[in-house]
Amino acid sequence: MSEVPEGFVMPEMTDPRIRPAASLVITRDSDDGAEILFCHRVSQMPSFPDFWAFPGGGVTRYDRVAADDLSQLSPDEDGAALAALMREMVEEVGWTNSEEGIVIVDDNVRDEVIENGENWYPSVKRGDLSANS
């Protein structure tokens, strides 16, 4: 028996490199049972268009810089993955973590990070976002 669903054609792999990434599964209890947060990828995305996924994404060089510089993060791949995850949460969901828990990000700050993910780190340095895990 194949692991690939019947009728699904696997795309050709042109670049077999593994790219570090991080995803987060967010759940909560409700009267109807457990709820799980999924993000819907728009149909214009170059990869996995119209796909439902957990929030997250690839680790960038800016995430590595943040991990090296921010005392809240460890200066290694785990710290970079955590930075990527926090950046992706701002971009994809508009949430950030804080000492009070998860909070909604200011629209202007979120727009700045969506425009360029590199802006997440300066936003943390300015105090607009938290890097507390």
Foldseek 3Di string as FASTA:
>chain_A
DDPDDPPDDDDDDPDPDDFDKDFDWDWDADPVGIDTDWFAADQPDPPPHRHIHGFMTTQDVLLLVLQCPDPQHHNDSVSSNLSRRQLSCCAGPQWAQDPVGIDGADPVQSVVCNVPVSSPSVCCVVVSGDSHD
